[in-house]
N, C-alpha and C. Protein backbone atom coordinates (compact mmCIF):
# COMPACT_ATOMS: atom_id res chain seq x y z
N MET A 1 57.19 -118.17 234.60
CA MET A 1 57.33 -119.61 236.24
C MET A 1 56.07 -119.48 237.00
N VAL A 2 55.83 -120.80 236.94
CA VAL A 2 54.30 -121.09 237.33
C VAL A 2 54.58 -121.69 239.34
N TYR A 3 54.04 -120.25 239.95
CA TYR A 3 53.99 -120.85 241.37
C TYR A 3 52.52 -120.83 241.79
N ALA A 4 52.47 -121.18 243.57
CA ALA A 4 51.36 -120.29 243.82
C ALA A 4 52.13 -120.32 245.41
N ILE A 5 50.92 -119.47 246.35
CA ILE A 5 50.86 -119.32 247.99
C ILE A 5 50.14 -120.38 248.38
N VAL A 6 50.06 -121.54 249.39
CA VAL A 6 49.89 -122.39 249.91
C VAL A 6 48.63 -121.76 250.75
N ARG A 7 48.12 -122.63 251.92
CA ARG A 7 48.11 -123.18 253.09
C ARG A 7 48.28 -124.21 253.81
N ALA A 8 48.79 -123.81 254.82
CA ALA A 8 49.69 -125.43 254.89
C ALA A 8 49.93 -125.28 256.22
N GLY A 9 49.10 -125.92 257.36
CA GLY A 9 49.77 -126.38 258.66
C GLY A 9 49.96 -125.24 259.52
N GLY A 10 48.36 -124.05 259.00
CA GLY A 10 49.16 -122.75 259.92
C GLY A 10 49.41 -121.55 259.40
N ARG A 11 49.95 -121.90 258.31
CA ARG A 11 51.00 -120.67 257.72
C ARG A 11 50.71 -120.76 255.92
N GLN A 12 51.26 -119.76 255.55
CA GLN A 12 51.43 -120.16 253.97
C GLN A 12 52.39 -119.90 253.52
N GLU A 13 52.94 -121.18 252.62
CA GLU A 13 54.06 -120.92 251.74
C GLU A 13 54.07 -120.65 250.42
N LYS A 14 55.30 -119.96 249.71
CA LYS A 14 55.18 -120.31 248.15
C LYS A 14 55.76 -121.38 247.49
N VAL A 15 55.25 -122.25 247.09
CA VAL A 15 55.76 -122.98 246.51
C VAL A 15 55.56 -123.15 244.91
N SER A 16 56.60 -124.03 244.31
CA SER A 16 56.39 -124.56 242.65
C SER A 16 56.67 -126.32 242.45
N VAL A 17 56.57 -126.54 241.49
CA VAL A 17 56.60 -128.19 241.07
C VAL A 17 57.81 -128.16 241.78
N GLY A 18 58.28 -129.21 242.65
CA GLY A 18 59.71 -130.06 242.87
C GLY A 18 60.34 -129.23 244.20
N ASP A 19 59.38 -128.19 244.83
CA ASP A 19 59.86 -127.95 245.79
C ASP A 19 59.63 -129.05 246.70
N THR A 20 60.53 -128.85 247.82
CA THR A 20 59.97 -129.69 249.13
C THR A 20 59.73 -128.30 250.12
N ILE A 21 58.64 -128.69 251.04
CA ILE A 21 58.38 -127.95 252.65
C ILE A 21 58.19 -128.63 253.60
N VAL A 22 58.27 -128.01 254.39
CA VAL A 22 58.00 -128.65 256.04
C VAL A 22 57.17 -128.01 256.32
N ILE A 23 56.17 -128.58 256.93
CA ILE A 23 54.82 -128.11 257.80
C ILE A 23 54.16 -129.18 259.02
N ASN A 24 53.72 -128.32 259.54
CA ASN A 24 53.13 -129.07 260.90
C ASN A 24 52.47 -130.77 260.40
N ARG A 25 52.41 -131.56 260.99
CA ARG A 25 52.40 -133.16 260.61
C ARG A 25 50.85 -133.36 260.27
N VAL A 26 50.84 -133.80 259.42
CA VAL A 26 49.84 -134.43 258.25
C VAL A 26 49.75 -135.67 258.39
N ALA A 27 48.52 -136.60 258.32
CA ALA A 27 48.45 -137.99 258.93
C ALA A 27 48.24 -138.29 257.77
N GLY A 28 49.10 -139.80 257.62
CA GLY A 28 49.01 -140.49 256.38
C GLY A 28 50.73 -141.11 256.59
N GLU A 29 51.12 -142.29 255.27
CA GLU A 29 51.80 -143.01 255.09
C GLU A 29 53.10 -141.93 254.67
N ALA A 30 53.98 -142.17 254.63
CA ALA A 30 54.93 -141.86 253.28
C ALA A 30 54.80 -142.87 251.98
N GLY A 31 54.80 -141.28 250.79
CA GLY A 31 54.12 -141.64 249.84
C GLY A 31 52.46 -141.44 249.75
N ASP A 32 51.55 -141.34 250.63
CA ASP A 32 50.45 -140.59 249.95
C ASP A 32 50.30 -139.23 250.00
N SER A 33 49.92 -139.21 248.71
CA SER A 33 49.12 -137.57 248.17
C SER A 33 48.62 -137.09 249.24
N VAL A 34 48.85 -135.26 249.11
CA VAL A 34 47.90 -134.34 250.00
C VAL A 34 48.00 -133.43 249.05
N ASP A 35 46.77 -132.93 249.44
CA ASP A 35 46.16 -131.78 248.46
C ASP A 35 46.17 -130.69 249.27
N LEU A 36 46.73 -129.13 248.81
CA LEU A 36 46.95 -128.23 249.66
C LEU A 36 46.11 -126.95 248.71
N ALA A 37 44.99 -126.00 250.09
CA ALA A 37 44.52 -125.13 249.59
C ALA A 37 45.27 -123.91 248.94
N PRO A 38 45.25 -123.98 247.71
CA PRO A 38 46.02 -122.50 246.75
C PRO A 38 45.13 -121.04 247.81
N VAL A 39 46.05 -120.09 247.78
CA VAL A 39 45.33 -118.91 248.25
C VAL A 39 45.90 -118.07 247.11
N LEU A 40 47.10 -117.90 246.12
CA LEU A 40 46.82 -117.21 244.93
C LEU A 40 47.81 -118.04 244.36
N LEU A 41 47.75 -117.56 243.05
CA LEU A 41 48.66 -118.25 242.26
C LEU A 41 48.80 -117.70 240.99
N VAL A 42 50.34 -117.70 240.85
CA VAL A 42 51.10 -117.12 239.70
C VAL A 42 51.46 -117.82 238.52
N ASP A 43 51.43 -117.34 237.24
CA ASP A 43 51.45 -118.12 236.31
C ASP A 43 52.12 -117.30 235.18
N GLY A 44 53.35 -116.71 235.06
CA GLY A 44 54.32 -115.54 234.30
C GLY A 44 54.08 -114.21 234.89
N ASP A 45 52.89 -113.67 234.09
CA ASP A 45 52.44 -112.17 233.92
C ASP A 45 50.85 -112.31 234.66
N LYS A 46 50.19 -113.59 234.94
CA LYS A 46 48.70 -113.42 235.16
C LYS A 46 48.72 -114.19 236.92
N VAL A 47 47.98 -113.76 237.21
CA VAL A 47 48.25 -113.87 238.80
C VAL A 47 46.54 -113.94 239.52
N THR A 48 46.28 -114.84 239.70
CA THR A 48 44.66 -114.91 240.02
C THR A 48 44.55 -115.44 241.70
N SER A 49 44.13 -114.34 242.35
CA SER A 49 43.46 -114.11 243.53
C SER A 49 42.20 -114.31 243.89
N ALA A 50 41.04 -114.30 242.89
CA ALA A 50 39.78 -114.64 243.10
C ALA A 50 39.22 -116.37 243.63
N GLN A 51 38.31 -115.93 244.59
CA GLN A 51 37.97 -117.39 245.30
C GLN A 51 37.65 -118.41 244.30
N THR A 52 36.56 -117.83 242.92
CA THR A 52 35.64 -118.86 242.35
C THR A 52 36.99 -119.41 241.18
N GLU A 53 37.94 -118.44 241.16
CA GLU A 53 39.19 -119.40 239.76
C GLU A 53 40.20 -120.27 240.63
N LEU A 54 39.91 -119.73 241.75
CA LEU A 54 41.35 -120.82 242.53
C LEU A 54 40.25 -122.12 243.22
N ALA A 55 38.84 -122.34 243.08
CA ALA A 55 38.50 -123.44 243.47
C ALA A 55 38.67 -124.36 242.18
N LYS A 56 39.24 -123.87 240.69
CA LYS A 56 39.19 -124.78 240.00
C LYS A 56 40.69 -125.48 239.98
N VAL A 57 41.35 -124.41 241.00
CA VAL A 57 43.34 -125.19 240.80
C VAL A 57 43.31 -125.51 242.14
N LYS A 58 44.09 -127.08 241.78
CA LYS A 58 44.75 -128.40 242.58
C LYS A 58 46.31 -128.21 242.72
N VAL A 59 46.64 -128.06 243.87
CA VAL A 59 47.98 -127.65 244.48
C VAL A 59 48.20 -129.17 244.95
N THR A 60 49.05 -130.60 244.39
CA THR A 60 48.78 -131.91 245.05
C THR A 60 50.77 -131.61 245.57
N ALA A 61 50.74 -132.41 246.44
CA ALA A 61 52.44 -132.83 247.10
C ALA A 61 51.82 -134.05 247.51
N GLU A 62 53.43 -134.79 247.68
CA GLU A 62 53.41 -136.16 248.35
C GLU A 62 54.65 -136.24 249.39
N LYS A 63 53.88 -137.05 250.63
CA LYS A 63 54.50 -136.95 251.89
C LYS A 63 55.89 -137.25 251.48
N VAL A 64 56.57 -137.29 252.41
CA VAL A 64 58.35 -137.84 251.81
C VAL A 64 58.46 -138.42 253.38
N GLU A 65 58.44 -137.76 254.31
CA GLU A 65 58.54 -138.32 255.71
C GLU A 65 57.96 -136.92 256.92
N ASP A 66 58.18 -137.97 258.11
CA ASP A 66 57.60 -137.62 258.95
C ASP A 66 59.13 -137.08 260.29
N LEU A 67 58.76 -136.35 261.02
CA LEU A 67 60.52 -136.04 261.97
C LEU A 67 59.53 -134.92 262.66
N ARG A 68 61.06 -134.55 263.56
CA ARG A 68 60.54 -133.71 264.24
C ARG A 68 61.42 -132.62 264.67
N GLY A 69 60.77 -131.27 265.14
CA GLY A 69 61.61 -130.23 265.01
C GLY A 69 62.39 -130.05 266.59
N GLU A 70 63.56 -128.84 266.45
CA GLU A 70 64.40 -128.31 267.46
C GLU A 70 64.05 -128.93 268.31
N LYS A 71 64.44 -128.96 269.75
CA LYS A 71 63.87 -129.15 270.65
C LYS A 71 63.85 -127.46 271.75
N ILE A 72 63.24 -127.49 272.19
CA ILE A 72 62.84 -125.57 272.72
C ILE A 72 62.43 -126.44 274.38
N ARG A 73 63.44 -125.10 274.98
CA ARG A 73 62.65 -125.45 276.90
C ARG A 73 61.93 -124.13 276.82
N ILE A 74 61.31 -124.57 277.88
CA ILE A 74 60.60 -123.60 278.48
C ILE A 74 60.95 -123.50 279.95
N LEU A 75 61.25 -122.71 280.87
CA LEU A 75 61.86 -122.35 281.94
C LEU A 75 60.85 -121.23 282.78
N ARG A 76 60.21 -121.61 283.61
CA ARG A 76 59.18 -120.99 284.63
C ARG A 76 60.18 -120.47 285.95
N TYR A 77 60.32 -119.05 285.81
CA TYR A 77 61.03 -119.17 287.79
C TYR A 77 60.57 -117.90 288.52
N LYS A 78 60.02 -118.14 290.30
CA LYS A 78 59.62 -117.29 290.28
C LYS A 78 60.49 -116.94 291.50
N ASN A 79 60.33 -115.18 291.53
CA ASN A 79 61.59 -115.07 292.34
C ASN A 79 61.50 -115.08 293.96
N LYS A 80 62.20 -115.65 295.11
CA LYS A 80 62.17 -115.55 296.55
C LYS A 80 61.21 -117.02 296.56
N THR A 81 60.87 -117.66 296.23
CA THR A 81 59.99 -118.40 296.29
C THR A 81 60.64 -120.03 296.15
N GLY A 82 61.46 -120.03 295.75
CA GLY A 82 61.57 -121.31 295.34
C GLY A 82 61.12 -121.85 294.40
N TYR A 83 60.12 -121.54 293.69
CA TYR A 83 59.39 -121.77 292.04
C TYR A 83 60.11 -122.15 291.04
N LYS A 84 61.08 -123.10 290.28
CA LYS A 84 61.29 -123.42 289.52
C LYS A 84 60.99 -124.68 288.52
N LYS A 85 60.34 -124.70 287.41
CA LYS A 85 59.81 -125.57 286.36
C LYS A 85 60.40 -125.07 285.35
N ARG A 86 60.72 -126.77 284.56
CA ARG A 86 61.13 -127.11 283.30
C ARG A 86 60.43 -127.99 282.77
N GLN A 87 60.47 -127.55 281.29
CA GLN A 87 59.80 -127.92 280.63
C GLN A 87 60.58 -128.22 279.02
N GLY A 88 59.98 -129.36 278.28
CA GLY A 88 60.71 -129.41 276.48
C GLY A 88 59.47 -129.41 275.72
N HIS A 89 59.92 -129.47 274.71
CA HIS A 89 58.68 -129.35 273.58
C HIS A 89 59.88 -129.47 272.15
N ARG A 90 59.44 -130.65 271.46
CA ARG A 90 59.82 -130.61 270.22
C ARG A 90 58.45 -130.79 269.10
N GLN A 91 58.42 -129.96 268.54
CA GLN A 91 57.09 -130.08 267.39
C GLN A 91 56.88 -131.05 266.26
N GLU A 92 55.98 -131.47 266.18
CA GLU A 92 56.26 -132.50 265.23
C GLU A 92 55.58 -132.32 263.17
N LEU A 93 56.68 -132.49 263.09
CA LEU A 93 56.28 -131.96 261.56
C LEU A 93 56.78 -132.67 260.34
N THR A 94 56.34 -132.64 259.20
CA THR A 94 56.32 -132.93 257.89
C THR A 94 56.68 -132.61 256.85
N ARG A 95 57.55 -133.66 256.08
CA ARG A 95 58.49 -133.40 254.99
C ARG A 95 57.15 -133.75 253.56
N LEU A 96 56.97 -132.72 252.55
CA LEU A 96 55.92 -132.42 251.49
C LEU A 96 56.85 -132.06 250.79
N LYS A 97 57.03 -133.04 249.09
CA LYS A 97 57.35 -132.71 247.89
C LYS A 97 56.44 -132.36 246.60
N ILE A 98 56.22 -131.33 246.35
CA ILE A 98 55.50 -130.72 245.49
C ILE A 98 55.13 -131.43 244.00
N THR A 99 54.04 -132.19 243.79
CA THR A 99 54.70 -132.65 242.34
C THR A 99 53.72 -131.91 241.15
N GLY A 100 52.66 -131.43 241.72
CA GLY A 100 51.88 -131.14 240.43
C GLY A 100 50.64 -129.74 241.32
N ILE A 101 50.83 -128.46 239.99
CA ILE A 101 49.89 -127.11 240.48
C ILE A 101 49.16 -127.39 238.82
N ALA A 102 47.90 -127.71 239.33
CA ALA A 102 46.95 -127.60 237.85
C ALA A 102 45.61 -126.70 238.11
C-alpha cells in the first residue's frame, strides 16, 4: 500500500490515492488540480523521508468543492462592569480528492 504524509493547509495529512481530505481554503475552481508537498512517503516496506528524494515525488489532488466549517461562538465577559461581547466564526474549507502519488 502506498501512502504519503503531506503538508496541506497548515497541518499534515495521511493520504493515499482515492482519499478525500478537508483542508483550509485553496484558491481555484472545482475540478482544478492542486499539488501538495510530501513530508514522508511509504511504499510497502520502503519509507522515504530524505528531502532530495521527496523533491522527485509529486502528490496531486483535484478540488471537489468549497465549504465552511461549523460555527464557533466566541464570548467575552468581564465581571461587575456589564461588558459582554459575542462574536462568531466559520472557517473557510476546501474538500480535495487525491488523484495520484508519483
